[in-house]
Amino acid sequence: MKTLIDSTLSSELQELYLENKEWLSDILFLEDEMFFLNRLFKRILAGEVQRESLPQIAKNSAALNLILERRKLLKTVLLSRKRQIEQLLAGSAVTIGLELIEEDAAILRVIKSLLLAEKVLKDALFALVKRQNLLKQRVNNAGPLKKAHRYPIY
């Protein structure tokens, strides 16, 4: 169902526009966080990695890549939506569809899911870094190996 824009819809469109800008801000924040997490992940890989950590590292790598792709797609959707709302507010587009409002719930679900996935990934990466640091401390605190026998055994 499409309807012509009038003054009551104009205020709702302005609200949608501001909401869209806020979502873009959330996505840009997520972009900064992902840059940080990507650097942290590379630092983990640069250190010594234990064999039993490899499945967790692979899982984290896949999660990182998925979040990056979903964020990129969502950013494209939000930028397109912003232009669409700007056109509606400027009056260059004369009708709006109900689907514009229905998209809000879907976009909000995706944003919440991305922010949650980022938090889970961040916690997993910090746990991995902590584990690596503990292993380094154990190795460093072990000290040099002592000779077991005073005299060589023949």
N, C-alpha and C. Protein backbone atom coordinates (compact mmCIF):
# COMPACT_ATOMS: atom_id res chain seq x y z
N MET A 1 0.85 -1.17 0.00
CA MET A 1 0.00 0.00 0.00
C MET A 1 0.89 1.23 0.00
N LYS A 2 0.70 2.11 -0.97
CA LYS A 2 1.48 3.33 -1.06
C LYS A 2 0.58 4.51 -0.76
N THR A 3 1.17 5.54 -0.17
CA THR A 3 0.38 6.71 0.18
C THR A 3 1.16 7.98 -0.14
N LEU A 4 0.46 9.05 -0.42
CA LEU A 4 1.12 10.32 -0.70
C LEU A 4 1.67 10.91 0.58
N ILE A 5 2.77 11.65 0.47
CA ILE A 5 3.39 12.26 1.64
C ILE A 5 2.60 13.51 2.02
N ASP A 6 2.27 13.63 3.30
CA ASP A 6 1.68 14.86 3.81
C ASP A 6 2.47 15.31 5.03
N SER A 7 1.99 16.33 5.71
CA SER A 7 2.77 16.91 6.81
C SER A 7 2.94 15.94 7.98
N THR A 8 1.95 15.09 8.26
CA THR A 8 2.09 14.15 9.37
C THR A 8 3.15 13.09 9.06
N LEU A 9 3.23 12.69 7.79
CA LEU A 9 4.25 11.72 7.42
C LEU A 9 5.64 12.34 7.42
N SER A 10 5.70 13.63 7.15
CA SER A 10 6.99 14.30 7.11
C SER A 10 7.73 14.17 8.44
N SER A 11 7.03 14.36 9.55
CA SER A 11 7.69 14.24 10.85
C SER A 11 8.11 12.79 11.11
N GLU A 12 7.31 11.84 10.67
CA GLU A 12 7.69 10.43 10.82
C GLU A 12 8.90 10.09 9.97
N LEU A 13 8.96 10.66 8.77
CA LEU A 13 10.12 10.44 7.91
C LEU A 13 11.39 11.05 8.52
N GLN A 14 11.23 12.23 9.12
CA GLN A 14 12.39 12.84 9.79
C GLN A 14 12.87 11.96 10.93
N GLU A 15 11.93 11.37 11.64
CA GLU A 15 12.29 10.45 12.73
C GLU A 15 13.00 9.21 12.17
N LEU A 16 12.49 8.67 11.06
CA LEU A 16 13.15 7.54 10.41
C LEU A 16 14.56 7.91 9.95
N TYR A 17 14.69 9.11 9.43
CA TYR A 17 16.00 9.59 8.96
C TYR A 17 16.99 9.66 10.12
N LEU A 18 16.56 10.23 11.25
CA LEU A 18 17.44 10.31 12.42
C LEU A 18 17.77 8.92 12.97
N GLU A 19 16.79 8.05 12.96
CA GLU A 19 17.02 6.67 13.41
C GLU A 19 18.04 5.98 12.50
N ASN A 20 17.91 6.21 11.21
CA ASN A 20 18.84 5.63 10.24
C ASN A 20 20.26 6.16 10.47
N LYS A 21 20.38 7.45 10.75
CA LYS A 21 21.70 8.04 11.04
C LYS A 21 22.31 7.42 12.29
N GLU A 22 21.48 7.17 13.29
CA GLU A 22 21.96 6.54 14.52
C GLU A 22 22.46 5.12 14.23
N TRP A 23 21.73 4.40 13.40
CA TRP A 23 22.14 3.05 13.03
C TRP A 23 23.47 3.08 12.28
N LEU A 24 23.61 4.04 11.38
CA LEU A 24 24.89 4.18 10.66
C LEU A 24 26.03 4.45 11.64
N SER A 25 25.75 5.26 12.65
CA SER A 25 26.74 5.53 13.68
C SER A 25 27.13 4.24 14.41
N ASP A 26 26.13 3.40 14.72
CA ASP A 26 26.41 2.11 15.37
C ASP A 26 27.29 1.24 14.48
N ILE A 27 27.00 1.24 13.20
CA ILE A 27 27.76 0.42 12.25
C ILE A 27 29.20 0.95 12.13
N LEU A 28 29.35 2.27 12.13
CA LEU A 28 30.71 2.84 12.07
C LEU A 28 31.49 2.52 13.34
N PHE A 29 30.80 2.53 14.49
CA PHE A 29 31.44 2.12 15.74
C PHE A 29 31.88 0.66 15.64
N LEU A 30 31.00 -0.18 15.11
CA LEU A 30 31.32 -1.59 14.93
C LEU A 30 32.51 -1.74 13.99
N GLU A 31 32.59 -0.90 12.98
CA GLU A 31 33.72 -0.93 12.05
C GLU A 31 35.03 -0.66 12.79
N ASP A 32 35.02 0.33 13.69
CA ASP A 32 36.21 0.62 14.48
C ASP A 32 36.56 -0.54 15.41
N GLU A 33 35.55 -1.11 16.03
CA GLU A 33 35.77 -2.27 16.91
C GLU A 33 36.35 -3.44 16.13
N MET A 34 35.85 -3.67 14.94
CA MET A 34 36.33 -4.80 14.14
C MET A 34 37.78 -4.57 13.69
N PHE A 35 38.15 -3.32 13.44
CA PHE A 35 39.53 -3.00 13.12
C PHE A 35 40.43 -3.39 14.30
N PHE A 36 40.01 -3.03 15.50
CA PHE A 36 40.75 -3.38 16.71
C PHE A 36 40.82 -4.89 16.90
N LEU A 37 39.70 -5.58 16.73
CA LEU A 37 39.67 -7.04 16.91
C LEU A 37 40.50 -7.74 15.85
N ASN A 38 40.50 -7.22 14.65
CA ASN A 38 41.31 -7.80 13.58
C ASN A 38 42.80 -7.69 13.93
N ARG A 39 43.22 -6.55 14.46
CA ARG A 39 44.61 -6.37 14.88
C ARG A 39 44.95 -7.33 16.03
N LEU A 40 44.02 -7.47 16.97
CA LEU A 40 44.23 -8.38 18.09
C LEU A 40 44.35 -9.82 17.59
N PHE A 41 43.52 -10.19 16.65
CA PHE A 41 43.55 -11.54 16.09
C PHE A 41 44.89 -11.80 15.39
N LYS A 42 45.38 -10.82 14.65
CA LYS A 42 46.68 -10.97 13.98
C LYS A 42 47.80 -11.10 15.00
N ARG A 43 47.67 -10.39 16.11
CA ARG A 43 48.68 -10.50 17.17
C ARG A 43 48.67 -11.90 17.79
N ILE A 44 47.49 -12.46 17.93
CA ILE A 44 47.38 -13.83 18.45
C ILE A 44 48.09 -14.79 17.50
N LEU A 45 47.83 -14.63 16.22
CA LEU A 45 48.43 -15.53 15.23
C LEU A 45 49.93 -15.35 15.13
N ALA A 46 50.42 -14.16 15.45
CA ALA A 46 51.86 -13.90 15.37
C ALA A 46 52.62 -14.59 16.50
N GLY A 47 51.94 -14.89 17.60
CA GLY A 47 52.59 -15.55 18.73
C GLY A 47 52.58 -17.06 18.55
N GLU A 48 53.09 -17.72 19.57
CA GLU A 48 53.07 -19.18 19.55
C GLU A 48 51.65 -19.65 19.85
N VAL A 49 51.17 -20.53 19.02
CA VAL A 49 49.80 -21.02 19.16
C VAL A 49 49.85 -22.50 19.47
N GLN A 50 49.14 -22.89 20.50
CA GLN A 50 49.09 -24.31 20.85
C GLN A 50 48.10 -25.03 19.94
N ARG A 51 48.41 -26.30 19.72
CA ARG A 51 47.59 -27.11 18.83
C ARG A 51 46.11 -27.14 19.27
N GLU A 52 45.87 -27.23 20.57
CA GLU A 52 44.48 -27.30 21.03
C GLU A 52 43.73 -25.97 20.85
N SER A 53 44.45 -24.89 20.59
CA SER A 53 43.82 -23.59 20.35
C SER A 53 43.41 -23.41 18.89
N LEU A 54 43.89 -24.26 18.01
CA LEU A 54 43.62 -24.09 16.59
C LEU A 54 42.13 -24.12 16.23
N PRO A 55 41.33 -25.05 16.79
CA PRO A 55 39.88 -25.01 16.45
C PRO A 55 39.22 -23.70 16.89
N GLN A 56 39.61 -23.19 18.07
CA GLN A 56 39.04 -21.93 18.55
C GLN A 56 39.48 -20.77 17.66
N ILE A 57 40.73 -20.80 17.21
CA ILE A 57 41.23 -19.75 16.33
C ILE A 57 40.49 -19.79 14.99
N ALA A 58 40.26 -20.97 14.46
CA ALA A 58 39.53 -21.11 13.20
C ALA A 58 38.09 -20.60 13.36
N LYS A 59 37.47 -20.94 14.48
CA LYS A 59 36.10 -20.49 14.75
C LYS A 59 36.06 -18.96 14.85
N ASN A 60 37.03 -18.39 15.56
CA ASN A 60 37.08 -16.93 15.71
C ASN A 60 37.33 -16.24 14.37
N SER A 61 38.17 -16.85 13.56
CA SER A 61 38.46 -16.29 12.23
C SER A 61 37.20 -16.27 11.37
N ALA A 62 36.46 -17.36 11.40
CA ALA A 62 35.22 -17.43 10.63
C ALA A 62 34.20 -16.40 11.14
N ALA A 63 34.12 -16.27 12.46
CA ALA A 63 33.18 -15.29 13.04
C ALA A 63 33.58 -13.87 12.66
N LEU A 64 34.86 -13.59 12.71
CA LEU A 64 35.36 -12.27 12.34
C LEU A 64 35.01 -11.94 10.89
N ASN A 65 35.27 -12.88 10.00
CA ASN A 65 34.97 -12.66 8.58
C ASN A 65 33.47 -12.49 8.33
N LEU A 66 32.65 -13.28 9.03
CA LEU A 66 31.20 -13.17 8.87
C LEU A 66 30.69 -11.81 9.34
N ILE A 67 31.18 -11.37 10.49
CA ILE A 67 30.77 -10.06 11.01
C ILE A 67 31.18 -8.95 10.05
N LEU A 68 32.40 -9.04 9.53
CA LEU A 68 32.87 -8.02 8.59
C LEU A 68 31.99 -7.96 7.34
N GLU A 69 31.62 -9.11 6.81
CA GLU A 69 30.77 -9.15 5.61
C GLU A 69 29.37 -8.64 5.90
N ARG A 70 28.79 -9.07 7.02
CA ARG A 70 27.45 -8.63 7.37
C ARG A 70 27.42 -7.13 7.64
N ARG A 71 28.46 -6.61 8.29
CA ARG A 71 28.55 -5.18 8.57
C ARG A 71 28.64 -4.38 7.27
N LYS A 72 29.43 -4.87 6.35
CA LYS A 72 29.60 -4.19 5.07
C LYS A 72 28.26 -4.15 4.32
N LEU A 73 27.55 -5.26 4.29
CA LEU A 73 26.25 -5.32 3.63
C LEU A 73 25.24 -4.40 4.30
N LEU A 74 25.22 -4.41 5.62
CA LEU A 74 24.28 -3.57 6.34
C LEU A 74 24.58 -2.09 6.12
N LYS A 75 25.85 -1.74 6.08
CA LYS A 75 26.23 -0.34 5.82
C LYS A 75 25.71 0.10 4.45
N THR A 76 25.82 -0.76 3.46
CA THR A 76 25.31 -0.45 2.12
C THR A 76 23.80 -0.25 2.15
N VAL A 77 23.10 -1.12 2.86
CA VAL A 77 21.64 -1.01 2.98
C VAL A 77 21.26 0.30 3.66
N LEU A 78 21.97 0.64 4.74
CA LEU A 78 21.63 1.86 5.48
C LEU A 78 21.93 3.12 4.67
N LEU A 79 23.00 3.11 3.91
CA LEU A 79 23.31 4.28 3.06
C LEU A 79 22.25 4.45 1.97
N SER A 80 21.81 3.34 1.40
CA SER A 80 20.76 3.39 0.39
C SER A 80 19.46 3.88 1.00
N ARG A 81 19.16 3.38 2.16
CA ARG A 81 17.94 3.78 2.87
C ARG A 81 17.98 5.27 3.22
N LYS A 82 19.14 5.75 3.63
CA LYS A 82 19.29 7.17 3.96
C LYS A 82 18.99 8.03 2.73
N ARG A 83 19.52 7.64 1.58
CA ARG A 83 19.25 8.39 0.35
C ARG A 83 17.75 8.36 0.01
N GLN A 84 17.14 7.20 0.20
CA GLN A 84 15.72 7.06 -0.08
C GLN A 84 14.89 7.99 0.80
N ILE A 85 15.21 8.05 2.08
CA ILE A 85 14.47 8.92 3.00
C ILE A 85 14.74 10.38 2.68
N GLU A 86 15.99 10.71 2.32
CA GLU A 86 16.30 12.08 1.93
C GLU A 86 15.47 12.51 0.73
N GLN A 87 15.30 11.61 -0.25
CA GLN A 87 14.49 11.92 -1.43
C GLN A 87 13.02 12.13 -1.04
N LEU A 88 12.55 11.30 -0.11
CA LEU A 88 11.17 11.46 0.34
C LEU A 88 10.98 12.79 1.06
N LEU A 89 11.95 13.15 1.90
CA LEU A 89 11.84 14.41 2.64
C LEU A 89 11.96 15.63 1.71
N ALA A 90 12.78 15.50 0.67
CA ALA A 90 12.95 16.60 -0.27
C ALA A 90 11.76 16.72 -1.22
N GLY A 91 10.94 15.70 -1.27
CA GLY A 91 9.77 15.73 -2.13
C GLY A 91 10.04 15.24 -3.54
N SER A 92 11.25 14.74 -3.80
CA SER A 92 11.53 14.23 -5.15
C SER A 92 10.93 12.85 -5.37
N ALA A 93 10.63 12.16 -4.30
CA ALA A 93 9.89 10.90 -4.41
C ALA A 93 8.51 11.19 -3.82
N VAL A 94 7.47 10.83 -4.50
CA VAL A 94 6.13 11.25 -4.07
C VAL A 94 5.36 10.20 -3.28
N THR A 95 5.83 8.98 -3.26
CA THR A 95 5.11 7.95 -2.52
C THR A 95 6.07 7.15 -1.66
N ILE A 96 5.54 6.66 -0.57
CA ILE A 96 6.31 5.74 0.26
C ILE A 96 5.53 4.45 0.40
N GLY A 97 6.26 3.40 0.61
CA GLY A 97 5.61 2.11 0.77
C GLY A 97 5.63 1.68 2.23
N LEU A 98 4.73 0.84 2.57
CA LEU A 98 4.66 0.29 3.91
C LEU A 98 5.93 -0.51 4.21
N GLU A 99 6.55 -1.03 3.15
CA GLU A 99 7.77 -1.83 3.34
C GLU A 99 8.90 -1.02 3.96
N LEU A 100 8.91 0.30 3.77
CA LEU A 100 9.95 1.14 4.37
C LEU A 100 9.90 1.04 5.89
N ILE A 101 8.70 1.06 6.42
CA ILE A 101 8.53 0.97 7.88
C ILE A 101 8.76 -0.45 8.35
N GLU A 102 8.37 -1.44 7.57
CA GLU A 102 8.57 -2.84 7.94
C GLU A 102 10.05 -3.21 7.97
N GLU A 103 10.86 -2.51 7.16
CA GLU A 103 12.30 -2.78 7.15
C GLU A 103 12.96 -2.43 8.47
N ASP A 104 12.37 -1.47 9.21
CA ASP A 104 12.96 -1.03 10.48
C ASP A 104 13.23 -2.20 11.43
N ALA A 105 12.22 -3.02 11.61
CA ALA A 105 12.37 -4.15 12.55
C ALA A 105 13.46 -5.10 12.09
N ALA A 106 13.51 -5.36 10.80
CA ALA A 106 14.53 -6.27 10.28
C ALA A 106 15.93 -5.68 10.44
N ILE A 107 16.07 -4.40 10.15
CA ILE A 107 17.39 -3.74 10.28
C ILE A 107 17.82 -3.74 11.74
N LEU A 108 16.91 -3.43 12.62
CA LEU A 108 17.24 -3.40 14.05
C LEU A 108 17.67 -4.77 14.55
N ARG A 109 17.01 -5.83 14.09
CA ARG A 109 17.41 -7.19 14.47
C ARG A 109 18.83 -7.49 14.00
N VAL A 110 19.15 -7.10 12.77
CA VAL A 110 20.49 -7.35 12.23
C VAL A 110 21.54 -6.58 13.02
N ILE A 111 21.25 -5.33 13.35
CA ILE A 111 22.21 -4.52 14.11
C ILE A 111 22.45 -5.15 15.48
N LYS A 112 21.38 -5.51 16.17
CA LYS A 112 21.52 -6.13 17.49
C LYS A 112 22.30 -7.44 17.39
N SER A 113 22.03 -8.21 16.37
CA SER A 113 22.73 -9.48 16.20
C SER A 113 24.22 -9.26 15.92
N LEU A 114 24.54 -8.24 15.12
CA LEU A 114 25.94 -7.93 14.84
C LEU A 114 26.67 -7.45 16.08
N LEU A 115 26.03 -6.59 16.85
CA LEU A 115 26.67 -6.10 18.08
C LEU A 115 26.88 -7.23 19.08
N LEU A 116 25.93 -8.15 19.16
CA LEU A 116 26.08 -9.30 20.05
C LEU A 116 27.20 -10.21 19.56
N ALA A 117 27.24 -10.47 18.25
CA ALA A 117 28.30 -11.32 17.68
C ALA A 117 29.67 -10.70 17.91
N GLU A 118 29.75 -9.38 17.80
CA GLU A 118 31.02 -8.69 18.04
C GLU A 118 31.44 -8.85 19.50
N LYS A 119 30.49 -8.74 20.43
CA LYS A 119 30.82 -8.89 21.85
C LYS A 119 31.30 -10.30 22.15
N VAL A 120 30.63 -11.29 21.60
CA VAL A 120 31.03 -12.69 21.81
C VAL A 120 32.43 -12.92 21.25
N LEU A 121 32.70 -12.39 20.06
CA LEU A 121 34.02 -12.53 19.45
C LEU A 121 35.09 -11.83 20.28
N LYS A 122 34.78 -10.64 20.76
CA LYS A 122 35.74 -9.90 21.58
C LYS A 122 36.09 -10.69 22.84
N ASP A 123 35.08 -11.22 23.51
CA ASP A 123 35.32 -12.02 24.72
C ASP A 123 36.18 -13.25 24.41
N ALA A 124 35.90 -13.91 23.29
CA ALA A 124 36.66 -15.10 22.90
C ALA A 124 38.12 -14.74 22.59
N LEU A 125 38.33 -13.63 21.91
CA LEU A 125 39.70 -13.22 21.58
C LEU A 125 40.47 -12.81 22.83
N PHE A 126 39.82 -12.09 23.73
CA PHE A 126 40.49 -11.71 24.98
C PHE A 126 40.84 -12.95 25.80
N ALA A 127 39.96 -13.94 25.83
CA ALA A 127 40.25 -15.18 26.54
C ALA A 127 41.44 -15.90 25.92
N LEU A 128 41.51 -15.88 24.61
CA LEU A 128 42.62 -16.51 23.90
C LEU A 128 43.94 -15.79 24.20
N VAL A 129 43.91 -14.46 24.21
CA VAL A 129 45.11 -13.68 24.55
C VAL A 129 45.53 -13.98 25.98
N LYS A 130 44.58 -14.02 26.88
CA LYS A 130 44.89 -14.31 28.28
C LYS A 130 45.52 -15.69 28.42
N ARG A 131 44.98 -16.65 27.71
CA ARG A 131 45.52 -18.01 27.74
C ARG A 131 46.95 -18.05 27.21
N GLN A 132 47.18 -17.34 26.11
CA GLN A 132 48.53 -17.31 25.54
C GLN A 132 49.51 -16.65 26.52
N ASN A 133 49.08 -15.58 27.18
CA ASN A 133 49.95 -14.90 28.13
C ASN A 133 50.27 -15.80 29.32
N LEU A 134 49.28 -16.56 29.79
CA LEU A 134 49.53 -17.49 30.89
C LEU A 134 50.52 -18.58 30.48
N LEU A 135 50.39 -19.07 29.26
CA LEU A 135 51.32 -20.10 28.79
C LEU A 135 52.73 -19.55 28.68
N LYS A 136 52.88 -18.32 28.22
CA LYS A 136 54.21 -17.70 28.15
C LYS A 136 54.82 -17.56 29.53
N GLN A 137 53.99 -17.18 30.51
CA GLN A 137 54.49 -17.03 31.88
C GLN A 137 54.96 -18.37 32.43
N ARG A 138 54.22 -19.42 32.17
CA ARG A 138 54.62 -20.75 32.65
C ARG A 138 55.96 -21.15 32.05
N VAL A 139 56.12 -20.91 30.77
CA VAL A 139 57.37 -21.26 30.11
C VAL A 139 58.51 -20.44 30.67
N ASN A 140 58.30 -19.15 30.87
CA ASN A 140 59.35 -18.27 31.38
C ASN A 140 59.68 -18.57 32.85
N ASN A 141 58.70 -18.96 33.64
CA ASN A 141 58.92 -19.24 35.06
C ASN A 141 59.51 -20.63 35.29
N ALA A 142 59.47 -21.49 34.29
CA ALA A 142 60.00 -22.84 34.46
C ALA A 142 61.51 -22.81 34.66
N GLY A 143 62.16 -21.84 34.09
CA GLY A 143 63.61 -21.71 34.25
C GLY A 143 64.35 -22.75 33.44
N PRO A 144 65.67 -22.71 33.54
CA PRO A 144 66.47 -23.67 32.77
C PRO A 144 66.32 -25.08 33.34
N LEU A 145 66.51 -26.06 32.49
CA LEU A 145 66.44 -27.45 32.91
C LEU A 145 67.66 -27.79 33.75
N LYS A 146 67.45 -28.48 34.84
CA LYS A 146 68.55 -28.90 35.71
C LYS A 146 68.96 -30.30 35.34
N LYS A 147 70.25 -30.58 35.57
CA LYS A 147 70.72 -31.93 35.30
C LYS A 147 70.16 -32.87 36.35
N ALA A 148 69.69 -33.99 35.90
CA ALA A 148 69.09 -34.96 36.79
C ALA A 148 70.13 -35.75 37.56
N HIS A 149 71.30 -35.97 36.95
CA HIS A 149 72.34 -36.77 37.59
C HIS A 149 73.60 -35.96 37.68
N ARG A 150 74.34 -36.23 38.72
CA ARG A 150 75.61 -35.55 38.90
C ARG A 150 76.67 -36.15 37.98
N TYR A 151 76.59 -37.42 37.76
CA TYR A 151 77.56 -38.11 36.93
C TYR A 151 76.87 -38.67 35.71
N PRO A 152 77.49 -38.65 34.60
CA PRO A 152 76.84 -39.21 33.40
C PRO A 152 76.58 -40.70 33.58
N ILE A 153 75.49 -41.13 33.05
CA ILE A 153 75.15 -42.54 33.10
C ILE A 153 75.62 -43.20 31.80
N TYR A 154 76.37 -44.31 31.97
CA TYR A 154 76.86 -45.01 30.79
C TYR A 154 76.12 -46.28 30.58
